[in-house]
Amino acid sequence: MGKKTNLKASLSNFQEKQKKAQLQKTKEAAKKATVKQALKPSAKSRGKRPAQRVKKATIPVAASDTILLIGEGNFSFARALFISRCESIAHLPPSNVTATAYDSEEACYEKYPDAQDIVKDLRERGVTVIFDVDARRLDSHKELKKRRWKRIIWNFPHAGKGISDQDRNVLSNQLLILDFLKSAGPLLEDGVMPSLHSKTSRRKRGNDHDSEEDGGHDTVENSLIKQRGTILMTLRNGTPYTLWDLPRLAKKPPIPHSSSVSPSIPNLRYIQLRSFTFDPTIWHGYEHRMTKGWVEGLGRGEGGTEGVEDRTWEFCLADQDLE
């Protein structure tokens, strides 16, 4: 009888221990499931990419720069230099800026109805405004040829000839750019090769100083050593403008064309310092205008071809083409 009682008690103890062990396992499994569920992404966040850091817009000029603007159209970019909320140029002296247009003053106001009020505002601020300026003949212009600039800027250059044949249209604009680069070179300030300050990586090509960057830096950095001036040109980064091949024209120009302004003078060679996205929204009040004049719904700075960016290229003269 005693043995049966002991056996019964042993089995009872064993079963009790089994129940406790099973209960402990259940509790641990429930705890793990709770932790796993907490770490699992929610239905709303599932599939979403991590938030990307907003890139800083590039302001390619500094308050100490002397600036020559080419082909201004309605002069809204010139005004934007003074009314935009750009800290780096908040104290840009108006006397440092010269804004030019290809058209005569009368023709400019006829083509761009908003230009007259903008020009009045610029002149009252102390900006020099000059009309009848041919971008191909800057070095022979009586008011420009004796001066030197840190930045020469031409936004959206175009020959404006209305040529329907694409090949001929591309050629006419390439010739315009080559003649501009040749005439603008002598008007740039002398100095050492500019250097850029940026935390973003640069893509080197050969022995050149080319880089393509999208923000993360502002102007070509200032230093105690005088740096040479630069040219900044902005184009739509899509067809047909990419066919003009602006970087190649600047870095490896062909021999002068027979229809060039000065075919006997070799084209100048430049070094590309960088290229970056041109963001018109940072330039308050800026509205791009077409060479043929104001057209409702077209040529506005805040919009362009959907999905196609505007891009600025910055160049300086190569050493052998410095005077």
C-alpha atoms as a PDB file:
ATOM      1  CA  MET A   1       0.000   0.000   0.000  1.00  0.00           C
ATOM      2  CA  GLY A   2       2.839   2.332   0.855  1.00  0.00           C
ATOM      3  CA  LYS A   3       4.554   1.727  -2.458  1.00  0.00           C
ATOM      4  CA  LYS A   4       1.385   2.570  -4.415  1.00  0.00           C
ATOM      5  CA  THR A   5       1.018   5.804  -2.437  1.00  0.00           C
ATOM      6  CA  ASN A   6       4.609   6.762  -3.132  1.00  0.00           C
ATOM      7  CA  LEU A   7       4.219   5.984  -6.825  1.00  0.00           C
ATOM      8  CA  LYS A   8       1.013   8.035  -7.021  1.00  0.00           C
ATOM      9  CA  ALA A   9       2.721  10.946  -5.274  1.00  0.00           C
ATOM     10  CA  SER A  10       5.720  10.789  -7.601  1.00  0.00           C
ATOM     11  CA  LEU A  11       3.511  10.814 -10.689  1.00  0.00           C
ATOM     12  CA  SER A  12       1.543  13.736  -9.299  1.00  0.00           C
ATOM     13  CA  ASN A  13       4.746  15.676  -8.635  1.00  0.00           C
ATOM     14  CA  PHE A  14       6.048  14.881 -12.103  1.00  0.00           C
ATOM     15  CA  GLN A  15       2.801  16.028 -13.742  1.00  0.00           C
ATOM     16  CA  GLU A  16       2.836  19.200 -11.658  1.00  0.00           C
ATOM     17  CA  LYS A  17       6.379  19.928 -12.738  1.00  0.00           C
ATOM     18  CA  GLN A  18       5.412  19.313 -16.386  1.00  0.00           C
ATOM     19  CA  LYS A  19       2.482  21.706 -16.088  1.00  0.00           C
ATOM     20  CA  LYS A  20       4.743  24.397 -14.587  1.00  0.00           C
ATOM     21  CA  ALA A  21       7.354  23.870 -17.315  1.00  0.00           C
ATOM     22  CA  GLN A  22       4.698  24.064 -20.035  1.00  0.00           C
ATOM     23  CA  LEU A  23       3.232  27.194 -18.488  1.00  0.00           C
ATOM     24  CA  GLN A  24       6.699  28.776 -18.397  1.00  0.00           C
ATOM     25  CA  LYS A  25       7.266  27.924 -22.072  1.00  0.00           C
ATOM     26  CA  THR A  26       3.897  29.453 -22.977  1.00  0.00           C
ATOM     27  CA  LYS A  27       4.760  32.661 -21.121  1.00  0.00           C
ATOM     28  CA  GLU A  28       8.171  32.915 -22.827  1.00  0.00           C
ATOM     29  CA  ALA A  29       6.633  32.299 -26.278  1.00  0.00           C
ATOM     30  CA  ALA A  30       4.034  34.985 -25.655  1.00  0.00           C
ATOM     31  CA  LYS A  31       6.750  37.414 -24.571  1.00  0.00           C
ATOM     32  CA  LYS A  32       8.804  36.755 -27.724  1.00  0.00           C
ATOM     33  CA  ALA A  33       5.741  37.197 -29.911  1.00  0.00           C
ATOM     34  CA  THR A  34       5.007  40.558 -28.275  1.00  0.00           C
ATOM     35  CA  VAL A  35       8.564  41.798 -28.887  1.00  0.00           C
ATOM     36  CA  LYS A  36       8.493  40.574 -32.498  1.00  0.00           C
ATOM     37  CA  GLN A  37       5.200  42.327 -33.149  1.00  0.00           C
ATOM     38  CA  ALA A  38       6.563  45.563 -31.703  1.00  0.00           C
ATOM     39  CA  LEU A  39       9.566  45.441 -34.064  1.00  0.00           C
ATOM     40  CA  LYS A  40       7.457  44.605 -37.099  1.00  0.00           C
ATOM     41  CA  PRO A  41       6.797  47.645 -39.407  1.00  0.00           C
ATOM     42  CA  SER A  42       3.222  48.852 -39.469  1.00  0.00           C
ATOM     43  CA  ALA A  43       1.001  48.534 -42.511  1.00  0.00           C
ATOM     44  CA  LYS A  44       1.342  52.281 -43.122  1.00  0.00           C
ATOM     45  CA  SER A  45       5.129  52.303 -43.024  1.00  0.00           C
ATOM     46  CA  ARG A  46       5.615  48.972 -44.800  1.00  0.00           C
ATOM     47  CA  GLY A  47       7.142  49.479 -48.229  1.00  0.00           C
ATOM     48  CA  LYS A  48       8.117  53.087 -47.601  1.00  0.00           C
ATOM     49  CA  ARG A  49      11.690  54.202 -48.240  1.00  0.00           C
ATOM     50  CA  PRO A  50      13.634  56.021 -45.539  1.00  0.00           C
ATOM     51  CA  ALA A  51      13.185  59.792 -45.711  1.00  0.00           C
ATOM     52  CA  GLN A  52      15.876  61.371 -47.859  1.00  0.00           C
ATOM     53  CA  ARG A  53      17.807  64.412 -46.762  1.00  0.00           C
ATOM     54  CA  VAL A  54      16.776  67.521 -48.662  1.00  0.00           C
ATOM     55  CA  LYS A  55      19.709  68.788 -50.710  1.00  0.00           C
ATOM     56  CA  LYS A  56      20.794  72.354 -50.289  1.00  0.00           C
ATOM     57  CA  ALA A  57      20.276  74.586 -53.308  1.00  0.00           C
ATOM     58  CA  THR A  58      23.446  75.966 -54.868  1.00  0.00           C
ATOM     59  CA  ILE A  59      23.979  79.733 -54.752  1.00  0.00           C
ATOM     60  CA  PRO A  60      26.913  80.217 -57.161  1.00  0.00           C
ATOM     61  CA  VAL A  61      27.660  83.842 -56.299  1.00  0.00           C
ATOM     62  CA  ALA A  62      28.914  85.638 -53.201  1.00  0.00           C
ATOM     63  CA  ALA A  63      28.248  89.115 -51.837  1.00  0.00           C
ATOM     64  CA  SER A  64      31.803  90.171 -52.705  1.00  0.00           C
ATOM     65  CA  ASP A  65      31.565  89.120 -56.374  1.00  0.00           C
ATOM     66  CA  THR A  66      31.418  91.451 -59.337  1.00  0.00           C
ATOM     67  CA  ILE A  67      28.732  90.022 -61.614  1.00  0.00           C
ATOM     68  CA  LEU A  68      28.026  90.488 -65.318  1.00  0.00           C
ATOM     69  CA  LEU A  69      24.629  89.187 -66.476  1.00  0.00           C
ATOM     70  CA  ILE A  70      24.152  88.421 -70.176  1.00  0.00           C
ATOM     71  CA  GLY A  71      20.905  88.176 -72.148  1.00  0.00           C
ATOM     72  CA  GLU A  72      18.649  89.241 -69.296  1.00  0.00           C
ATOM     73  CA  GLY A  73      15.373  89.454 -71.209  1.00  0.00           C
ATOM     74  CA  ASN A  74      12.973  90.981 -68.692  1.00  0.00           C
ATOM     75  CA  PHE A  75      15.755  91.446 -66.062  1.00  0.00           C
ATOM     76  CA  SER A  76      13.877  89.426 -63.434  1.00  0.00           C
ATOM     77  CA  PHE A  77      16.969  87.363 -62.563  1.00  0.00           C
ATOM     78  CA  ALA A  78      18.981  90.534 -61.947  1.00  0.00           C
ATOM     79  CA  ARG A  79      16.281  91.750 -59.563  1.00  0.00           C
ATOM     80  CA  ALA A  80      16.120  88.333 -57.881  1.00  0.00           C
ATOM     81  CA  LEU A  81      19.730  88.786 -56.740  1.00  0.00           C
ATOM     82  CA  PHE A  82      18.472  91.514 -54.410  1.00  0.00           C
ATOM     83  CA  ILE A  83      15.002  90.372 -53.337  1.00  0.00           C
ATOM     84  CA  SER A  84      15.607  86.648 -52.784  1.00  0.00           C
ATOM     85  CA  ARG A  85      16.158  85.355 -49.252  1.00  0.00           C
ATOM     86  CA  CYS A  86      19.687  84.128 -49.906  1.00  0.00           C
ATOM     87  CA  GLU A  87      21.830  84.772 -46.852  1.00  0.00           C
ATOM     88  CA  SER A  88      25.117  84.477 -48.760  1.00  0.00           C
ATOM     89  CA  ILE A  89      24.259  87.440 -51.012  1.00  0.00           C
ATOM     90  CA  ALA A  90      22.105  89.439 -48.601  1.00  0.00           C
ATOM     91  CA  HIS A  91      24.652  92.269 -48.674  1.00  0.00           C
ATOM     92  CA  LEU A  92      25.517  92.188 -52.384  1.00  0.00           C
ATOM     93  CA  PRO A  93      26.266  95.801 -53.418  1.00  0.00           C
ATOM     94  CA  PRO A  94      24.110  96.815 -56.412  1.00  0.00           C
ATOM     95  CA  SER A  95      27.154  98.575 -57.861  1.00  0.00           C
ATOM     96  CA  ASN A  96      28.784  95.132 -58.219  1.00  0.00           C
ATOM     97  CA  VAL A  97      26.165  94.013 -60.749  1.00  0.00           C
ATOM     98  CA  THR A  98      25.954  94.883 -64.444  1.00  0.00           C
ATOM     99  CA  ALA A  99      22.882  93.517 -66.216  1.00  0.00           C
ATOM    100  CA  THR A 100      22.722  93.481 -70.022  1.00  0.00           C
ATOM    101  CA  ALA A 101      20.230  92.671 -72.762  1.00  0.00           C
ATOM    102  CA  TYR A 102      20.671  91.964 -76.455  1.00  0.00           C
ATOM    103  CA  ASP A 103      17.673  94.112 -77.462  1.00  0.00           C
ATOM    104  CA  SER A 104      17.522  97.873 -77.528  1.00  0.00           C
ATOM    105  CA  GLU A 105      15.719  99.405 -74.557  1.00  0.00           C
ATOM    106  CA  GLU A 106      12.660 100.191 -76.669  1.00  0.00           C
ATOM    107  CA  ALA A 107      12.525  96.696 -78.201  1.00  0.00           C
ATOM    108  CA  CYS A 108      13.010  95.102 -74.792  1.00  0.00           C
ATOM    109  CA  TYR A 109       9.986  96.856 -73.318  1.00  0.00           C
ATOM    110  CA  GLU A 110       7.886  95.913 -76.358  1.00  0.00           C
ATOM    111  CA  LYS A 111       8.839  92.230 -76.123  1.00  0.00           C
ATOM    112  CA  TYR A 112       8.655  92.004 -72.325  1.00  0.00           C
ATOM    113  CA  PRO A 113       5.942  94.300 -70.857  1.00  0.00           C
ATOM    114  CA  ASP A 114       7.143  93.732 -67.270  1.00  0.00           C
ATOM    115  CA  ALA A 115      10.754  94.726 -68.016  1.00  0.00           C
ATOM    116  CA  GLN A 116      10.337  98.494 -67.761  1.00  0.00           C
ATOM    117  CA  ASP A 117       9.291  98.484 -64.100  1.00  0.00           C
ATOM    118  CA  ILE A 118      12.013  95.969 -63.234  1.00  0.00           C
ATOM    119  CA  VAL A 119      14.716  98.045 -64.960  1.00  0.00           C
ATOM    120  CA  LYS A 120      13.498 101.158 -63.141  1.00  0.00           C
ATOM    121  CA  ASP A 121      13.798  99.326 -59.823  1.00  0.00           C
ATOM    122  CA  LEU A 122      17.298  98.071 -60.652  1.00  0.00           C
ATOM    123  CA  ARG A 123      18.554 101.499 -61.657  1.00  0.00           C
ATOM    124  CA  GLU A 124      17.128 103.055 -58.511  1.00  0.00           C
ATOM    125  CA  ARG A 125      19.042 100.461 -56.492  1.00  0.00           C
ATOM    126  CA  GLY A 126      22.277 101.363 -58.279  1.00  0.00           C
ATOM    127  CA  VAL A 127      22.593  98.436 -60.698  1.00  0.00           C
ATOM    128  CA  THR A 128      24.150  99.216 -64.084  1.00  0.00           C
ATOM    129  CA  VAL A 129      21.748  98.258 -66.895  1.00  0.00           C
ATOM    130  CA  ILE A 130      22.997  98.220 -70.494  1.00  0.00           C
ATOM    131  CA  PHE A 131      21.045  97.450 -73.678  1.00  0.00           C
ATOM    132  CA  ASP A 132      22.242  96.516 -77.180  1.00  0.00           C
ATOM    133  CA  VAL A 133      24.877  94.100 -75.844  1.00  0.00           C
ATOM    134  CA  ASP A 134      25.885  91.302 -78.227  1.00  0.00           C
ATOM    135  CA  ALA A 135      27.143  88.296 -76.237  1.00  0.00           C
ATOM    136  CA  ARG A 136      29.502  87.456 -79.127  1.00  0.00           C
ATOM    137  CA  ARG A 137      31.281  90.822 -78.940  1.00  0.00           C
ATOM    138  CA  LEU A 138      31.671  91.547 -75.225  1.00  0.00           C
ATOM    139  CA  ASP A 139      35.403  92.199 -75.506  1.00  0.00           C
ATOM    140  CA  SER A 140      34.820  95.040 -77.983  1.00  0.00           C
ATOM    141  CA  HIS A 141      31.910  96.720 -76.154  1.00  0.00           C
ATOM    142  CA  LYS A 142      33.000 100.180 -75.071  1.00  0.00           C
ATOM    143  CA  GLU A 143      31.405  99.952 -71.599  1.00  0.00           C
ATOM    144  CA  LEU A 144      32.500  96.410 -70.854  1.00  0.00           C
ATOM    145  CA  LYS A 145      35.894  95.763 -72.425  1.00  0.00           C
ATOM    146  CA  LYS A 146      37.916  97.662 -69.807  1.00  0.00           C
ATOM    147  CA  ARG A 147      36.320  95.915 -66.821  1.00  0.00           C
ATOM    148  CA  ARG A 148      36.852  92.500 -65.230  1.00  0.00           C
ATOM    149  CA  TRP A 149      34.275  90.304 -63.466  1.00  0.00           C
ATOM    150  CA  LYS A 150      34.385  87.471 -60.958  1.00  0.00           C
ATOM    151  CA  ARG A 151      31.206  85.890 -62.401  1.00  0.00           C
ATOM    152  CA  ILE A 152      29.749  86.143 -65.899  1.00  0.00           C
ATOM    153  CA  ILE A 153      26.307  84.550 -65.993  1.00  0.00           C
ATOM    154  CA  TRP A 154      24.146  83.646 -68.969  1.00  0.00           C
ATOM    155  CA  ASN A 155      20.905  81.832 -68.184  1.00  0.00           C
ATOM    156  CA  PHE A 156      19.287  79.953 -71.064  1.00  0.00           C
ATOM    157  CA  PRO A 157      21.258  81.278 -74.044  1.00  0.00           C
ATOM    158  CA  HIS A 158      19.554  80.885 -77.410  1.00  0.00           C
ATOM    159  CA  ALA A 159      20.241  82.164 -80.915  1.00  0.00           C
ATOM    160  CA  GLY A 160      16.516  82.745 -81.410  1.00  0.00           C
ATOM    161  CA  LYS A 161      16.679  82.230 -85.172  1.00  0.00           C
ATOM    162  CA  GLY A 162      13.637  79.966 -85.360  1.00  0.00           C
ATOM    163  CA  ILE A 163      15.382  77.413 -87.602  1.00  0.00           C
ATOM    164  CA  SER A 164      13.129  74.376 -88.044  1.00  0.00           C
ATOM    165  CA  ASP A 165      15.886  72.012 -89.174  1.00  0.00           C
ATOM    166  CA  GLN A 166      17.320  70.567 -85.970  1.00  0.00           C
ATOM    167  CA  ASP A 167      20.899  70.127 -87.186  1.00  0.00           C
ATOM    168  CA  ARG A 168      21.121  73.707 -88.434  1.00  0.00           C
ATOM    169  CA  ASN A 169      19.455  74.968 -85.269  1.00  0.00           C
ATOM    170  CA  VAL A 170      21.970  73.105 -83.101  1.00  0.00           C
ATOM    171  CA  LEU A 171      24.872  74.500 -85.145  1.00  0.00           C
ATOM    172  CA  SER A 172      23.628  78.093 -84.850  1.00  0.00           C
ATOM    173  CA  ASN A 173      23.451  77.806 -81.074  1.00  0.00           C
ATOM    174  CA  GLN A 174      26.850  76.115 -80.844  1.00  0.00           C
ATOM    175  CA  LEU A 175      28.397  78.959 -82.810  1.00  0.00           C
ATOM    176  CA  LEU A 176      26.713  81.455 -80.498  1.00  0.00           C
ATOM    177  CA  ILE A 177      28.151  79.717 -77.424  1.00  0.00           C
ATOM    178  CA  LEU A 178      31.657  79.465 -78.892  1.00  0.00           C
ATOM    179  CA  ASP A 179      31.691  83.149 -79.847  1.00  0.00           C
ATOM    180  CA  PHE A 180      30.399  84.069 -76.390  1.00  0.00           C
ATOM    181  CA  LEU A 181      33.077  82.025 -74.622  1.00  0.00           C
ATOM    182  CA  LYS A 182      35.737  83.613 -76.817  1.00  0.00           C
ATOM    183  CA  SER A 183      34.572  87.166 -76.130  1.00  0.00           C
ATOM    184  CA  ALA A 184      33.841  86.646 -72.410  1.00  0.00           C
ATOM    185  CA  GLY A 185      37.231  85.143 -71.528  1.00  0.00           C
ATOM    186  CA  PRO A 186      39.174  88.425 -71.583  1.00  0.00           C
ATOM    187  CA  LEU A 187      36.603  89.983 -69.208  1.00  0.00           C
ATOM    188  CA  LEU A 188      37.180  87.452 -66.410  1.00  0.00           C
ATOM    189  CA  GLU A 189      39.321  88.319 -63.389  1.00  0.00           C
ATOM    190  CA  ASP A 190      42.787  86.786 -63.305  1.00  0.00           C
ATOM    191  CA  GLY A 191      43.908  84.530 -60.476  1.00  0.00           C
ATOM    192  CA  VAL A 192      44.683  81.000 -59.404  1.00  0.00           C
ATOM    193  CA  MET A 193      42.508  78.012 -60.239  1.00  0.00           C
ATOM    194  CA  PRO A 194      39.260  78.215 -58.203  1.00  0.00           C
ATOM    195  CA  SER A 195      38.618  75.469 -55.673  1.00  0.00           C
ATOM    196  CA  LEU A 196      35.271  74.251 -54.409  1.00  0.00           C
ATOM    197  CA  HIS A 197      34.275  73.486 -50.853  1.00  0.00           C
ATOM    198  CA  SER A 198      31.853  70.598 -50.604  1.00  0.00           C
ATOM    199  CA  LYS A 199      31.227  67.485 -48.548  1.00  0.00           C
ATOM    200  CA  THR A 200      29.743  65.710 -51.524  1.00  0.00           C
ATOM    201  CA  SER A 201      31.908  63.483 -53.641  1.00  0.00           C
ATOM    202  CA  ARG A 202      33.151  64.664 -57.010  1.00  0.00           C
ATOM    203  CA  ARG A 203      33.307  62.623 -60.144  1.00  0.00           C
ATOM    204  CA  LYS A 204      36.689  63.166 -61.754  1.00  0.00           C
ATOM    205  CA  ARG A 205      37.232  62.755 -65.460  1.00  0.00           C
ATOM    206  CA  GLY A 206      40.814  62.293 -66.580  1.00  0.00           C
ATOM    207  CA  ASN A 207      43.086  65.152 -65.541  1.00  0.00           C
ATOM    208  CA  ASP A 208      40.300  67.711 -65.682  1.00  0.00           C
ATOM    209  CA  HIS A 209      38.643  69.306 -62.668  1.00  0.00           C
ATOM    210  CA  ASP A 210      35.140  68.336 -63.732  1.00  0.00           C
ATOM    211  CA  SER A 211      32.535  67.456 -61.170  1.00  0.00           C
ATOM    212  CA  GLU A 212      28.817  66.957 -61.146  1.00  0.00           C
ATOM    213  CA  GLU A 213      27.181  67.814 -57.859  1.00  0.00           C
ATOM    214  CA  ASP A 214      23.668  68.555 -56.696  1.00  0.00           C
ATOM    215  CA  GLY A 215      23.930  70.975 -53.828  1.00  0.00           C
ATOM    216  CA  GLY A 216      25.823  70.655 -50.568  1.00  0.00           C
ATOM    217  CA  HIS A 217      27.924  73.709 -51.318  1.00  0.00           C
ATOM    218  CA  ASP A 218      27.464  77.319 -52.277  1.00  0.00           C
ATOM    219  CA  THR A 219      29.949  79.449 -54.123  1.00  0.00           C
ATOM    220  CA  VAL A 220      33.454  78.894 -55.362  1.00  0.00           C
ATOM    221  CA  GLU A 221      35.239  79.440 -52.074  1.00  0.00           C
ATOM    222  CA  ASN A 222      36.849  82.715 -51.178  1.00  0.00           C
ATOM    223  CA  SER A 223      40.428  82.817 -49.953  1.00  0.00           C
ATOM    224  CA  LEU A 224      43.213  85.294 -49.359  1.00  0.00           C
ATOM    225  CA  ILE A 225      44.661  84.245 -52.704  1.00  0.00           C
ATOM    226  CA  LYS A 226      42.879  85.853 -55.636  1.00  0.00           C
ATOM    227  CA  GLN A 227      41.063  83.277 -57.752  1.00  0.00           C
ATOM    228  CA  ARG A 228      40.238  83.597 -61.425  1.00  0.00           C
ATOM    229  CA  GLY A 229      36.727  84.482 -62.524  1.00  0.00           C
ATOM    230  CA  THR A 230      34.221  81.944 -63.792  1.00  0.00           C
ATOM    231  CA  ILE A 231      31.461  81.667 -66.379  1.00  0.00           C
ATOM    232  CA  LEU A 232      28.111  80.133 -65.452  1.00  0.00           C
ATOM    233  CA  MET A 233      25.708  78.987 -68.163  1.00  0.00           C
ATOM    234  CA  THR A 234      22.305  77.393 -67.590  1.00  0.00           C
ATOM    235  CA  LEU A 235      20.387  75.210 -70.033  1.00  0.00           C
ATOM    236  CA  ARG A 236      17.459  72.829 -69.978  1.00  0.00           C
ATOM    237  CA  ASN A 237      19.005  69.391 -69.450  1.00  0.00           C
ATOM    238  CA  GLY A 238      17.064  67.716 -72.244  1.00  0.00           C
ATOM    239  CA  THR A 239      16.696  67.580 -76.023  1.00  0.00           C
ATOM    240  CA  PRO A 240      17.514  69.614 -78.078  1.00  0.00           C
ATOM    241  CA  TYR A 241      19.728  71.514 -75.618  1.00  0.00           C
ATOM    242  CA  THR A 242      21.829  68.490 -74.704  1.00  0.00           C
ATOM    243  CA  LEU A 243      22.683  68.203 -78.415  1.00  0.00           C
ATOM    244  CA  TRP A 244      24.536  71.499 -78.145  1.00  0.00           C
ATOM    245  CA  ASP A 245      27.076  69.649 -75.958  1.00  0.00           C
ATOM    246  CA  LEU A 246      28.013  72.709 -73.926  1.00  0.00           C
ATOM    247  CA  PRO A 247      30.716  71.031 -71.771  1.00  0.00           C
ATOM    248  CA  ARG A 248      32.585  69.763 -74.828  1.00  0.00           C
ATOM    249  CA  LEU A 249      32.397  73.136 -76.583  1.00  0.00           C
ATOM    250  CA  ALA A 250      33.995  74.773 -73.545  1.00  0.00           C
ATOM    251  CA  LYS A 251      36.642  72.128 -72.801  1.00  0.00           C
ATOM    252  CA  LYS A 252      37.564  70.985 -76.301  1.00  0.00           C
ATOM    253  CA  PRO A 253      36.430  73.705 -78.726  1.00  0.00           C
ATOM    254  CA  PRO A 254      36.787  73.089 -82.467  1.00  0.00           C
ATOM    255  CA  ILE A 255      38.666  75.409 -84.768  1.00  0.00           C
ATOM    256  CA  PRO A 256      36.661  78.587 -85.450  1.00  0.00           C
ATOM    257  CA  HIS A 257      33.870  78.213 -87.991  1.00  0.00           C
ATOM    258  CA  SER A 258      33.943  80.365 -91.108  1.00  0.00           C
ATOM    259  CA  SER A 259      30.770  82.128 -89.913  1.00  0.00           C
ATOM    260  CA  SER A 260      32.274  82.923 -86.506  1.00  0.00           C
ATOM    261  CA  VAL A 261      32.502  86.572 -85.469  1.00  0.00           C
ATOM    262  CA  SER A 262      36.302  86.308 -85.543  1.00  0.00           C
ATOM    263  CA  PRO A 263      37.244  83.149 -87.496  1.00  0.00           C
ATOM    264  CA  SER A 264      40.955  83.999 -87.492  1.00  0.00           C
ATOM    265  CA  ILE A 265      41.148  83.977 -83.672  1.00  0.00           C
ATOM    266  CA  PRO A 266      41.314  80.547 -81.971  1.00  0.00           C
ATOM    267  CA  ASN A 267      38.519  79.558 -79.602  1.00  0.00           C
ATOM    268  CA  LEU A 268      39.408  79.637 -75.918  1.00  0.00           C
ATOM    269  CA  ARG A 269      39.649  76.465 -73.857  1.00  0.00           C
ATOM    270  CA  TYR A 270      37.988  76.225 -70.457  1.00  0.00           C
ATOM    271  CA  ILE A 271      38.007  73.849 -67.518  1.00  0.00           C
ATOM    272  CA  GLN A 272      34.688  72.685 -66.127  1.00  0.00           C
ATOM    273  CA  LEU A 273      34.625  73.199 -62.370  1.00  0.00           C
ATOM    274  CA  ARG A 274      31.210  71.710 -61.671  1.00  0.00           C
ATOM    275  CA  SER A 275      27.598  71.438 -62.752  1.00  0.00           C
ATOM    276  CA  PHE A 276      24.528  71.560 -60.542  1.00  0.00           C
ATOM    277  CA  THR A 277      20.750  71.737 -60.690  1.00  0.00           C
ATOM    278  CA  PHE A 278      19.405  75.240 -61.321  1.00  0.00           C
ATOM    279  CA  ASP A 279      16.461  75.775 -58.978  1.00  0.00           C
ATOM    280  CA  PRO A 280      14.402  78.787 -60.124  1.00  0.00           C
ATOM    281  CA  THR A 281      12.284  78.704 -56.951  1.00  0.00           C
ATOM    282  CA  ILE A 282      15.124  80.129 -54.840  1.00  0.00           C
ATOM    283  CA  TRP A 283      15.269  83.225 -57.053  1.00  0.00           C
ATOM    284  CA  HIS A 284      12.258  85.217 -55.914  1.00  0.00           C
ATOM    285  CA  GLY A 285      10.335  86.810 -58.760  1.00  0.00           C
ATOM    286  CA  TYR A 286      12.456  85.210 -61.488  1.00  0.00           C
ATOM    287  CA  GLU A 287      10.564  84.241 -64.652  1.00  0.00           C
ATOM    288  CA  HIS A 288      12.469  83.024 -67.679  1.00  0.00           C
ATOM    289  CA  ARG A 289      11.521  84.702 -70.966  1.00  0.00           C
ATOM    290  CA  MET A 290      11.878  83.387 -74.508  1.00  0.00           C
ATOM    291  CA  THR A 291      13.958  85.291 -77.051  1.00  0.00           C
ATOM    292  CA  LYS A 292      10.894  85.992 -79.190  1.00  0.00           C
ATOM    293  CA  GLY A 293       9.229  87.809 -76.313  1.00  0.00           C
ATOM    294  CA  TRP A 294       6.454  87.252 -73.817  1.00  0.00           C
ATOM    295  CA  VAL A 295       4.145  84.356 -74.694  1.00  0.00           C
ATOM    296  CA  GLU A 296       1.302  83.552 -72.301  1.00  0.00           C
ATOM    297  CA  GLY A 297       1.967  80.277 -70.488  1.00  0.00           C
ATOM    298  CA  LEU A 298       5.476  79.784 -71.902  1.00  0.00           C
ATOM    299  CA  GLY A 299       8.976  80.664 -70.778  1.00  0.00           C
ATOM    300  CA  ARG A 300       8.195  81.031 -67.086  1.00  0.00           C
ATOM    301  CA  GLY A 301      10.959  80.443 -64.579  1.00  0.00           C
ATOM    302  CA  GLU A 302       8.839  78.384 -62.176  1.00  0.00           C
ATOM    303  CA  GLY A 303       8.040  75.693 -64.690  1.00  0.00           C
ATOM    304  CA  GLY A 304       9.342  73.881 -67.735  1.00  0.00           C
ATOM    305  CA  THR A 305       9.086  70.483 -69.329  1.00  0.00           C
ATOM    306  CA  GLU A 306       7.827  68.087 -66.665  1.00  0.00           C
ATOM    307  CA  GLY A 307      10.551  65.773 -65.428  1.00  0.00           C
ATOM    308  CA  VAL A 308      13.374  67.713 -67.110  1.00  0.00           C
ATOM    309  CA  GLU A 309      15.712  69.739 -64.921  1.00  0.00           C
ATOM    310  CA  ASP A 310      17.547  72.961 -65.653  1.00  0.00           C
ATOM    311  CA  ARG A 311      21.293  72.660 -65.123  1.00  0.00           C
ATOM    312  CA  THR A 312      24.111  75.164 -64.615  1.00  0.00           C
ATOM    313  CA  TRP A 313      27.698  74.544 -65.743  1.00  0.00           C
ATOM    314  CA  GLU A 314      30.585  76.536 -64.313  1.00  0.00           C
ATOM    315  CA  PHE A 315      33.858  77.046 -66.195  1.00  0.00           C
ATOM    316  CA  CYS A 316      37.124  78.918 -65.784  1.00  0.00           C
ATOM    317  CA  LEU A 317      39.824  79.558 -68.368  1.00  0.00           C
ATOM    318  CA  ALA A 318      42.492  76.902 -68.818  1.00  0.00           C
ATOM    319  CA  ASP A 319      46.017  78.048 -67.933  1.00  0.00           C
ATOM    320  CA  GLN A 320      47.270  78.362 -71.507  1.00  0.00           C
ATOM    321  CA  ASP A 321      44.386  80.658 -72.454  1.00  0.00           C
ATOM    322  CA  LEU A 322      45.001  83.173 -69.659  1.00  0.00           C
ATOM    323  CA  GLU A 323      46.370  86.483 -70.806  1.00  0.00           C
END
